[in-house]
Amino acid sequence: MSYIFTKHATEQYVARLQRLGATIPKDPEKVLRRLIDMAVEVRMDNRHIVRRLINHGFKVARYLEADGWRFVVSEDNIVITVEHTDPAKN
């Protein structure tokens, strides 16, 4: 499947890597593409989904996870943001 990464998604990934003290890849989007290719869709609990719907202008999204990273993807396969699966690391 083909995904489009927003600038925000890539910037959030880099910012979160920096906060973790991790090495920033030369081509973050290339790394993100590799991760999303192996990601599996996860189901969030209903409270989480409702809170996100309200906070993000009622945009429906699905959630994919791989290697400790969560991709928030819109219905038209646009990656809205990338976050760590551990909220303490965001």
PDB file of N, CA and C in Angstrom:
ATOM      1  N   MET A   1       0.847  -1.177   0.000  1.00  0.00           N
ATOM      2  CA  MET A   1       0.000   0.000   0.000  1.00  0.00           C
ATOM      3  C   MET A   1       0.894   1.241   0.000  1.00  0.00           C
ATOM      4  N   SER A   2       0.444   2.254  -0.643  1.00  0.00           N
ATOM      5  CA  SER A   2       1.222   3.489  -0.750  1.00  0.00           C
ATOM      6  C   SER A   2       0.677   4.533   0.232  1.00  0.00           C
ATOM      7  N   TYR A   3       1.591   5.138   0.975  1.00  0.00           N
ATOM      8  CA  TYR A   3       1.225   6.150   1.956  1.00  0.00           C
ATOM      9  C   TYR A   3       1.906   7.466   1.621  1.00  0.00           C
ATOM     10  N   ILE A   4       1.254   8.548   1.999  1.00  0.00           N
ATOM     11  CA  ILE A   4       1.830   9.882   1.858  1.00  0.00           C
ATOM     12  C   ILE A   4       2.104  10.385   3.271  1.00  0.00           C
ATOM     13  N   PHE A   5       3.345  10.776   3.525  1.00  0.00           N
ATOM     14  CA  PHE A   5       3.723  11.296   4.836  1.00  0.00           C
ATOM     15  C   PHE A   5       3.634  12.814   4.821  1.00  0.00           C
ATOM     16  N   THR A   6       2.890  13.363   5.775  1.00  0.00           N
ATOM     17  CA  THR A   6       2.849  14.819   5.899  1.00  0.00           C
ATOM     18  C   THR A   6       4.175  15.297   6.472  1.00  0.00           C
ATOM     19  N   LYS A   7       4.448  16.550   6.252  1.00  0.00           N
ATOM     20  CA  LYS A   7       5.647  17.162   6.831  1.00  0.00           C
ATOM     21  C   LYS A   7       5.587  17.048   8.354  1.00  0.00           C
ATOM     22  N   HIS A   8       4.402  17.254   8.897  1.00  0.00           N
ATOM     23  CA  HIS A   8       4.200  17.164  10.347  1.00  0.00           C
ATOM     24  C   HIS A   8       4.588  15.779  10.860  1.00  0.00           C
ATOM     25  N   ALA A   9       4.168  14.724  10.161  1.00  0.00           N
ATOM     26  CA  ALA A   9       4.467  13.360  10.601  1.00  0.00           C
ATOM     27  C   ALA A   9       5.974  13.121  10.656  1.00  0.00           C
ATOM     28  N   THR A  10       6.669  13.529   9.614  1.00  0.00           N
ATOM     29  CA  THR A  10       8.121  13.340   9.569  1.00  0.00           C
ATOM     30  C   THR A  10       8.803  14.170  10.649  1.00  0.00           C
ATOM     31  N   GLU A  11       8.355  15.406  10.824  1.00  0.00           N
ATOM     32  CA  GLU A  11       8.945  16.273  11.852  1.00  0.00           C
ATOM     33  C   GLU A  11       8.715  15.717  13.256  1.00  0.00           C
ATOM     34  N   GLN A  12       7.537  15.168  13.493  1.00  0.00           N
ATOM     35  CA  GLN A  12       7.245  14.596  14.811  1.00  0.00           C
ATOM     36  C   GLN A  12       8.121  13.378  15.086  1.00  0.00           C
ATOM     37  N   TYR A  13       8.331  12.558  14.068  1.00  0.00           N
ATOM     38  CA  TYR A  13       9.196  11.388  14.217  1.00  0.00           C
ATOM     39  C   TYR A  13      10.613  11.836  14.591  1.00  0.00           C
ATOM     40  N   VAL A  14      11.150  12.797  13.874  1.00  0.00           N
ATOM     41  CA  VAL A  14      12.504  13.295  14.134  1.00  0.00           C
ATOM     42  C   VAL A  14      12.572  13.920  15.534  1.00  0.00           C
ATOM     43  N   ALA A  15      11.584  14.720  15.891  1.00  0.00           N
ATOM     44  CA  ALA A  15      11.574  15.371  17.207  1.00  0.00           C
ATOM     45  C   ALA A  15      11.534  14.335  18.331  1.00  0.00           C
ATOM     46  N   ARG A  16      10.758  13.289  18.132  1.00  0.00           N
ATOM     47  CA  ARG A  16      10.655  12.251  19.168  1.00  0.00           C
ATOM     48  C   ARG A  16      11.948  11.448  19.258  1.00  0.00           C
ATOM     49  N   LEU A  17      12.587  11.199  18.140  1.00  0.00           N
ATOM     50  CA  LEU A  17      13.899  10.533  18.169  1.00  0.00           C
ATOM     51  C   LEU A  17      14.906  11.395  18.936  1.00  0.00           C
ATOM     52  N   GLN A  18      14.885  12.700  18.683  1.00  0.00           N
ATOM     53  CA  GLN A  18      15.806  13.609  19.370  1.00  0.00           C
ATOM     54  C   GLN A  18      15.582  13.571  20.876  1.00  0.00           C
ATOM     55  N   ARG A  19      14.317  13.596  21.294  1.00  0.00           N
ATOM     56  CA  ARG A  19      14.012  13.554  22.733  1.00  0.00           C
ATOM     57  C   ARG A  19      14.497  12.256  23.365  1.00  0.00           C
ATOM     58  N   LEU A  20      14.511  11.175  22.574  1.00  0.00           N
ATOM     59  CA  LEU A  20      14.982   9.888  23.082  1.00  0.00           C
ATOM     60  C   LEU A  20      16.507   9.775  23.036  1.00  0.00           C
ATOM     61  N   GLY A  21      17.150  10.765  22.415  1.00  0.00           N
ATOM     62  CA  GLY A  21      18.600  10.726  22.289  1.00  0.00           C
ATOM     63  C   GLY A  21      19.072   9.758  21.218  1.00  0.00           C
ATOM     64  N   ALA A  22      18.189   9.410  20.309  1.00  0.00           N
ATOM     65  CA  ALA A  22      18.515   8.460  19.240  1.00  0.00           C
ATOM     66  C   ALA A  22      19.160   9.182  18.066  1.00  0.00           C
ATOM     67  N   THR A  23      19.841   8.422  17.241  1.00  0.00           N
ATOM     68  CA  THR A  23      20.458   8.962  16.040  1.00  0.00           C
ATOM     69  C   THR A  23      19.381   9.309  15.029  1.00  0.00           C
ATOM     70  N   ILE A  24      19.492  10.469  14.419  1.00  0.00           N
ATOM     71  CA  ILE A  24      18.531  10.912  13.413  1.00  0.00           C
ATOM     72  C   ILE A  24      19.009  10.388  12.058  1.00  0.00           C
ATOM     73  N   PRO A  25      18.166   9.621  11.361  1.00  0.00           N
ATOM     74  CA  PRO A  25      18.589   9.108  10.049  1.00  0.00           C
ATOM     75  C   PRO A  25      18.704  10.224   9.018  1.00  0.00           C
ATOM     76  N   LYS A  26      19.570  10.021   8.024  1.00  0.00           N
ATOM     77  CA  LYS A  26      19.737  11.013   6.946  1.00  0.00           C
ATOM     78  C   LYS A  26      18.435  11.217   6.197  1.00  0.00           C
ATOM     79  N   ASP A  27      17.707  10.133   6.003  1.00  0.00           N
ATOM     80  CA  ASP A  27      16.448  10.183   5.263  1.00  0.00           C
ATOM     81  C   ASP A  27      15.338   9.588   6.137  1.00  0.00           C
ATOM     82  N   PRO A  28      14.771  10.411   7.044  1.00  0.00           N
ATOM     83  CA  PRO A  28      13.759   9.890   7.975  1.00  0.00           C
ATOM     84  C   PRO A  28      12.559   9.260   7.270  1.00  0.00           C
ATOM     85  N   GLU A  29      12.154   9.838   6.145  1.00  0.00           N
ATOM     86  CA  GLU A  29      10.983   9.280   5.460  1.00  0.00           C
ATOM     87  C   GLU A  29      11.254   7.869   4.940  1.00  0.00           C
ATOM     88  N   LYS A  30      12.458   7.609   4.524  1.00  0.00           N
ATOM     89  CA  LYS A  30      12.825   6.263   4.059  1.00  0.00           C
ATOM     90  C   LYS A  30      12.674   5.252   5.205  1.00  0.00           C
ATOM     91  N   VAL A  31      13.125   5.648   6.396  1.00  0.00           N
ATOM     92  CA  VAL A  31      12.992   4.787   7.574  1.00  0.00           C
ATOM     93  C   VAL A  31      11.516   4.590   7.908  1.00  0.00           C
ATOM     94  N   LEU A  32      10.751   5.683   7.857  1.00  0.00           N
ATOM     95  CA  LEU A  32       9.318   5.590   8.136  1.00  0.00           C
ATOM     96  C   LEU A  32       8.613   4.674   7.139  1.00  0.00           C
ATOM     97  N   ARG A  33       8.985   4.738   5.886  1.00  0.00           N
ATOM     98  CA  ARG A  33       8.379   3.859   4.872  1.00  0.00           C
ATOM     99  C   ARG A  33       8.684   2.389   5.165  1.00  0.00           C
ATOM    100  N   ARG A  34       9.907   2.129   5.593  1.00  0.00           N
ATOM    101  CA  ARG A  34      10.266   0.753   5.940  1.00  0.00           C
ATOM    102  C   ARG A  34       9.437   0.273   7.135  1.00  0.00           C
ATOM    103  N   LEU A  35       9.290   1.149   8.126  1.00  0.00           N
ATOM    104  CA  LEU A  35       8.505   0.792   9.309  1.00  0.00           C
ATOM    105  C   LEU A  35       7.036   0.565   8.974  1.00  0.00           C
ATOM    106  N   ILE A  36       6.454   1.468   8.193  1.00  0.00           N
ATOM    107  CA  ILE A  36       5.023   1.344   7.908  1.00  0.00           C
ATOM    108  C   ILE A  36       4.733   0.124   7.041  1.00  0.00           C
ATOM    109  N   ASP A  37       5.711  -0.282   6.223  1.00  0.00           N
ATOM    110  CA  ASP A  37       5.526  -1.488   5.401  1.00  0.00           C
ATOM    111  C   ASP A  37       5.385  -2.742   6.252  1.00  0.00           C
ATOM    112  N   MET A  38       5.979  -2.747   7.445  1.00  0.00           N
ATOM    113  CA  MET A  38       5.865  -3.919   8.311  1.00  0.00           C
ATOM    114  C   MET A  38       4.851  -3.719   9.445  1.00  0.00           C
ATOM    115  N   ALA A  39       4.182  -2.574   9.440  1.00  0.00           N
ATOM    116  CA  ALA A  39       3.232  -2.248  10.509  1.00  0.00           C
ATOM    117  C   ALA A  39       1.946  -3.059  10.393  1.00  0.00           C
ATOM    118  N   VAL A  40       1.341  -3.282  11.543  1.00  0.00           N
ATOM    119  CA  VAL A  40       0.050  -3.964  11.600  1.00  0.00           C
ATOM    120  C   VAL A  40      -0.980  -3.008  12.190  1.00  0.00           C
ATOM    121  N   GLU A  41      -2.204  -3.144  11.734  1.00  0.00           N
ATOM    122  CA  GLU A  41      -3.273  -2.285  12.240  1.00  0.00           C
ATOM    123  C   GLU A  41      -3.655  -2.716  13.649  1.00  0.00           C
ATOM    124  N   VAL A  42      -3.843  -1.731  14.517  1.00  0.00           N
ATOM    125  CA  VAL A  42      -4.238  -1.999  15.898  1.00  0.00           C
ATOM    126  C   VAL A  42      -5.554  -1.295  16.186  1.00  0.00           C
ATOM    127  N   ARG A  43      -6.270  -1.842  17.117  1.00  0.00           N
ATOM    128  CA  ARG A  43      -7.551  -1.273  17.532  1.00  0.00           C
ATOM    129  C   ARG A  43      -7.333  -0.546  18.847  1.00  0.00           C
ATOM    130  N   MET A  44      -7.653   0.733  18.872  1.00  0.00           N
ATOM    131  CA  MET A  44      -7.549   1.519  20.093  1.00  0.00           C
ATOM    132  C   MET A  44      -8.852   1.359  20.874  1.00  0.00           C
ATOM    133  N   ASP A  45      -8.802   1.576  22.191  1.00  0.00           N
ATOM    134  CA  ASP A  45     -10.041   1.477  22.962  1.00  0.00           C
ATOM    135  C   ASP A  45     -10.969   2.638  22.585  1.00  0.00           C
ATOM    136  N   ASN A  46     -12.252   2.436  22.808  1.00  0.00           N
ATOM    137  CA  ASN A  46     -13.263   3.402  22.364  1.00  0.00           C
ATOM    138  C   ASN A  46     -13.071   4.794  22.952  1.00  0.00           C
ATOM    139  N   ARG A  47     -12.678   4.885  24.219  1.00  0.00           N
ATOM    140  CA  ARG A  47     -12.458   6.209  24.828  1.00  0.00           C
ATOM    141  C   ARG A  47     -11.347   6.953  24.103  1.00  0.00           C
ATOM    142  N   HIS A  48     -10.298   6.241  23.768  1.00  0.00           N
ATOM    143  CA  HIS A  48      -9.164   6.835  23.058  1.00  0.00           C
ATOM    144  C   HIS A  48      -9.606   7.335  21.678  1.00  0.00           C
ATOM    145  N   ILE A  49     -10.376   6.527  20.978  1.00  0.00           N
ATOM    146  CA  ILE A  49     -10.847   6.894  19.640  1.00  0.00           C
ATOM    147  C   ILE A  49     -11.730   8.137  19.705  1.00  0.00           C
ATOM    148  N   VAL A  50     -12.659   8.177  20.649  1.00  0.00           N
ATOM    149  CA  VAL A  50     -13.568   9.323  20.781  1.00  0.00           C
ATOM    150  C   VAL A  50     -12.776  10.585  21.118  1.00  0.00           C
ATOM    151  N   ARG A  51     -11.844  10.480  22.052  1.00  0.00           N
ATOM    152  CA  ARG A  51     -11.029  11.643  22.436  1.00  0.00           C
ATOM    153  C   ARG A  51     -10.240  12.162  21.234  1.00  0.00           C
ATOM    154  N   ARG A  52      -9.668  11.258  20.450  1.00  0.00           N
ATOM    155  CA  ARG A  52      -8.907  11.674  19.270  1.00  0.00           C
ATOM    156  C   ARG A  52      -9.810  12.282  18.201  1.00  0.00           C
ATOM    157  N   LEU A  53     -10.986  11.722  18.014  1.00  0.00           N
ATOM    158  CA  LEU A  53     -11.922  12.286  17.043  1.00  0.00           C
ATOM    159  C   LEU A  53     -12.254  13.733  17.398  1.00  0.00           C
ATOM    160  N   ILE A  54     -12.529  13.976  18.655  1.00  0.00           N
ATOM    161  CA  ILE A  54     -12.870  15.323  19.107  1.00  0.00           C
ATOM    162  C   ILE A  54     -11.667  16.262  18.952  1.00  0.00           C
ATOM    163  N   ASN A  55     -10.490  15.811  19.377  1.00  0.00           N
ATOM    164  CA  ASN A  55      -9.292  16.654  19.343  1.00  0.00           C
ATOM    165  C   ASN A  55      -8.791  16.949  17.936  1.00  0.00           C
ATOM    166  N   HIS A  56      -9.144  16.113  16.981  1.00  0.00           N
ATOM    167  CA  HIS A  56      -8.610  16.273  15.627  1.00  0.00           C
ATOM    168  C   HIS A  56      -9.690  16.566  14.590  1.00  0.00           C
ATOM    169  N   GLY A  57     -10.687  17.315  15.000  1.00  0.00           N
ATOM    170  CA  GLY A  57     -11.687  17.791  14.055  1.00  0.00           C
ATOM    171  C   GLY A  57     -12.533  16.693  13.427  1.00  0.00           C
ATOM    172  N   PHE A  58     -12.757  15.611  14.166  1.00  0.00           N
ATOM    173  CA  PHE A  58     -13.617  14.513  13.729  1.00  0.00           C
ATOM    174  C   PHE A  58     -13.113  13.814  12.467  1.00  0.00           C
ATOM    175  N   LYS A  59     -11.785  13.787  12.302  1.00  0.00           N
ATOM    176  CA  LYS A  59     -11.181  13.050  11.197  1.00  0.00           C
ATOM    177  C   LYS A  59     -11.030  11.589  11.610  1.00  0.00           C
ATOM    178  N   VAL A  60     -11.583  10.708  10.821  1.00  0.00           N
ATOM    179  CA  VAL A  60     -11.478   9.279  11.090  1.00  0.00           C
ATOM    180  C   VAL A  60     -10.074   8.826  10.716  1.00  0.00           C
ATOM    181  N   ALA A  61      -9.474   8.042  11.592  1.00  0.00           N
ATOM    182  CA  ALA A  61      -8.118   7.562  11.337  1.00  0.00           C
ATOM    183  C   ALA A  61      -8.018   6.103  11.760  1.00  0.00           C
ATOM    184  N   ARG A  62      -7.006   5.457  11.210  1.00  0.00           N
ATOM    185  CA  ARG A  62      -6.682   4.118  11.682  1.00  0.00           C
ATOM    186  C   ARG A  62      -5.261   4.172  12.206  1.00  0.00           C
ATOM    187  N   TYR A  63      -4.920   3.171  12.984  1.00  0.00           N
ATOM    188  CA  TYR A  63      -3.651   3.178  13.694  1.00  0.00           C
ATOM    189  C   TYR A  63      -2.853   1.934  13.321  1.00  0.00           C
ATOM    190  N   LEU A  64      -1.629   2.166  12.876  1.00  0.00           N
ATOM    191  CA  LEU A  64      -0.731   1.080  12.514  1.00  0.00           C
ATOM    192  C   LEU A  64       0.471   1.159  13.442  1.00  0.00           C
ATOM    193  N   GLU A  65       0.988  -0.006  13.848  1.00  0.00           N
ATOM    194  CA  GLU A  65       2.140  -0.009  14.749  1.00  0.00           C
ATOM    195  C   GLU A  65       3.222  -0.948  14.254  1.00  0.00           C
ATOM    196  N   ALA A  66       4.472  -0.504  14.456  1.00  0.00           N
ATOM    197  CA  ALA A  66       5.641  -1.324  14.147  1.00  0.00           C
ATOM    198  C   ALA A  66       6.820  -0.848  14.964  1.00  0.00           C
ATOM    199  N   ASP A  67       7.518  -1.774  15.583  1.00  0.00           N
ATOM    200  CA  ASP A  67       8.785  -1.494  16.257  1.00  0.00           C
ATOM    201  C   ASP A  67       8.694  -0.323  17.237  1.00  0.00           C
ATOM    202  N   GLY A  68       7.590  -0.254  17.983  1.00  0.00           N
ATOM    203  CA  GLY A  68       7.440   0.791  18.994  1.00  0.00           C
ATOM    204  C   GLY A  68       6.907   2.116  18.488  1.00  0.00           C
ATOM    205  N   TRP A  69       6.534   2.180  17.207  1.00  0.00           N
ATOM    206  CA  TRP A  69       6.011   3.418  16.623  1.00  0.00           C
ATOM    207  C   TRP A  69       4.585   3.217  16.150  1.00  0.00           C
ATOM    208  N   ARG A  70       3.774   4.268  16.324  1.00  0.00           N
ATOM    209  CA  ARG A  70       2.378   4.248  15.883  1.00  0.00           C
ATOM    210  C   ARG A  70       2.214   5.291  14.781  1.00  0.00           C
ATOM    211  N   PHE A  71       1.572   4.869  13.716  1.00  0.00           N
ATOM    212  CA  PHE A  71       1.266   5.745  12.590  1.00  0.00           C
ATOM    213  C   PHE A  71      -0.230   6.041  12.621  1.00  0.00           C
ATOM    214  N   VAL A  72      -0.579   7.311  12.611  1.00  0.00           N
ATOM    215  CA  VAL A  72      -1.979   7.722  12.552  1.00  0.00           C
ATOM    216  C   VAL A  72      -2.248   8.057  11.089  1.00  0.00           C
ATOM    217  N   VAL A  73      -3.147   7.259  10.482  1.00  0.00           N
ATOM    218  CA  VAL A  73      -3.348   7.320   9.037  1.00  0.00           C
ATOM    219  C   VAL A  73      -4.802   7.667   8.722  1.00  0.00           C
ATOM    220  N   SER A  74      -4.985   8.679   7.875  1.00  0.00           N
ATOM    221  CA  SER A  74      -6.339   9.087   7.471  1.00  0.00           C
ATOM    222  C   SER A  74      -6.923   8.072   6.495  1.00  0.00           C
ATOM    223  N   GLU A  75      -8.195   8.246   6.199  1.00  0.00           N
ATOM    224  CA  GLU A  75      -8.895   7.322   5.292  1.00  0.00           C
ATOM    225  C   GLU A  75      -8.281   7.301   3.901  1.00  0.00           C
ATOM    226  N   ASP A  76      -7.621   8.378   3.491  1.00  0.00           N
ATOM    227  CA  ASP A  76      -7.023   8.430   2.155  1.00  0.00           C
ATOM    228  C   ASP A  76      -5.517   8.129   2.182  1.00  0.00           C
ATOM    229  N   ASN A  77      -5.095   7.350   3.215  1.00  0.00           N
ATOM    230  CA  ASN A  77      -3.712   6.864   3.359  1.00  0.00           C
ATOM    231  C   ASN A  77      -2.664   7.953   3.537  1.00  0.00           C
ATOM    232  N   ILE A  78      -3.064   9.043   4.157  1.00  0.00           N
ATOM    233  CA  ILE A  78      -2.114  10.094   4.497  1.00  0.00           C
ATOM    234  C   ILE A  78      -1.705   9.887   5.960  1.00  0.00           C
ATOM    235  N   VAL A  79      -0.401   9.782   6.197  1.00  0.00           N
ATOM    236  CA  VAL A  79       0.102   9.615   7.557  1.00  0.00           C
ATOM    237  C   VAL A  79       0.110  10.991   8.206  1.00  0.00           C
ATOM    238  N   ILE A  80      -0.791  11.163   9.165  1.00  0.00           N
ATOM    239  CA  ILE A  80      -1.010  12.448   9.820  1.00  0.00           C
ATOM    240  C   ILE A  80       0.089  12.731  10.831  1.00  0.00           C
ATOM    241  N   THR A  81       0.436  11.714  11.609  1.00  0.00           N
ATOM    242  CA  THR A  81       1.503  11.873  12.596  1.00  0.00           C
ATOM    243  C   THR A  81       2.114  10.519  12.909  1.00  0.00           C
ATOM    244  N   VAL A  82       3.266  10.578  13.540  1.00  0.00           N
ATOM    245  CA  VAL A  82       3.976   9.395  13.997  1.00  0.00           C
ATOM    246  C   VAL A  82       4.285   9.628  15.460  1.00  0.00           C
ATOM    247  N   GLU A  83       3.938   8.651  16.295  1.00  0.00           N
ATOM    248  CA  GLU A  83       4.171   8.789  17.726  1.00  0.00           C
ATOM    249  C   GLU A  83       4.734   7.487  18.268  1.00  0.00           C
ATOM    250  N   HIS A  84       5.338   7.569  19.422  1.00  0.00           N
ATOM    251  CA  HIS A  84       5.838   6.367  20.062  1.00  0.00           C
ATOM    252  C   HIS A  84       4.658   5.660  20.716  1.00  0.00           C
ATOM    253  N   THR A  85       4.689   4.339  20.763  1.00  0.00           N
ATOM    254  CA  THR A  85       3.589   3.607  21.377  1.00  0.00           C
ATOM    255  C   THR A  85       3.580   3.775  22.893  1.00  0.00           C
ATOM    256  N   ASP A  86       4.726   4.153  23.467  1.00  0.00           N
ATOM    257  CA  ASP A  86       4.814   4.441  24.891  1.00  0.00           C
ATOM    258  C   ASP A  86       4.618   5.945  25.081  1.00  0.00           C
ATOM    259  N   PRO A  87       3.463   6.357  25.634  1.00  0.00           N
ATOM    260  CA  PRO A  87       3.177   7.791  25.776  1.00  0.00           C
ATOM    261  C   PRO A  87       4.266   8.573  26.519  1.00  0.00           C
ATOM    262  N   ALA A  88       4.977   7.931  27.413  1.00  0.00           N
ATOM    263  CA  ALA A  88       6.036   8.622  28.146  1.00  0.00           C
ATOM    264  C   ALA A  88       7.204   9.019  27.254  1.00  0.00           C
ATOM    265  N   LYS A  89       7.299   8.403  26.074  1.00  0.00           N
ATOM    266  CA  LYS A  89       8.394   8.698  25.160  1.00  0.00           C
ATOM    267  C   LYS A  89       7.985   9.682  24.057  1.00  0.00           C
ATOM    268  N   ASN A  90       6.793  10.237  24.163  1.00  0.00           N
ATOM    269  CA  ASN A  90       6.343  11.208  23.175  1.00  0.00           C
ATOM    270  C   ASN A  90       6.650  12.588  23.670  1.00  0.00           C
TER     271      ASN A  90
END
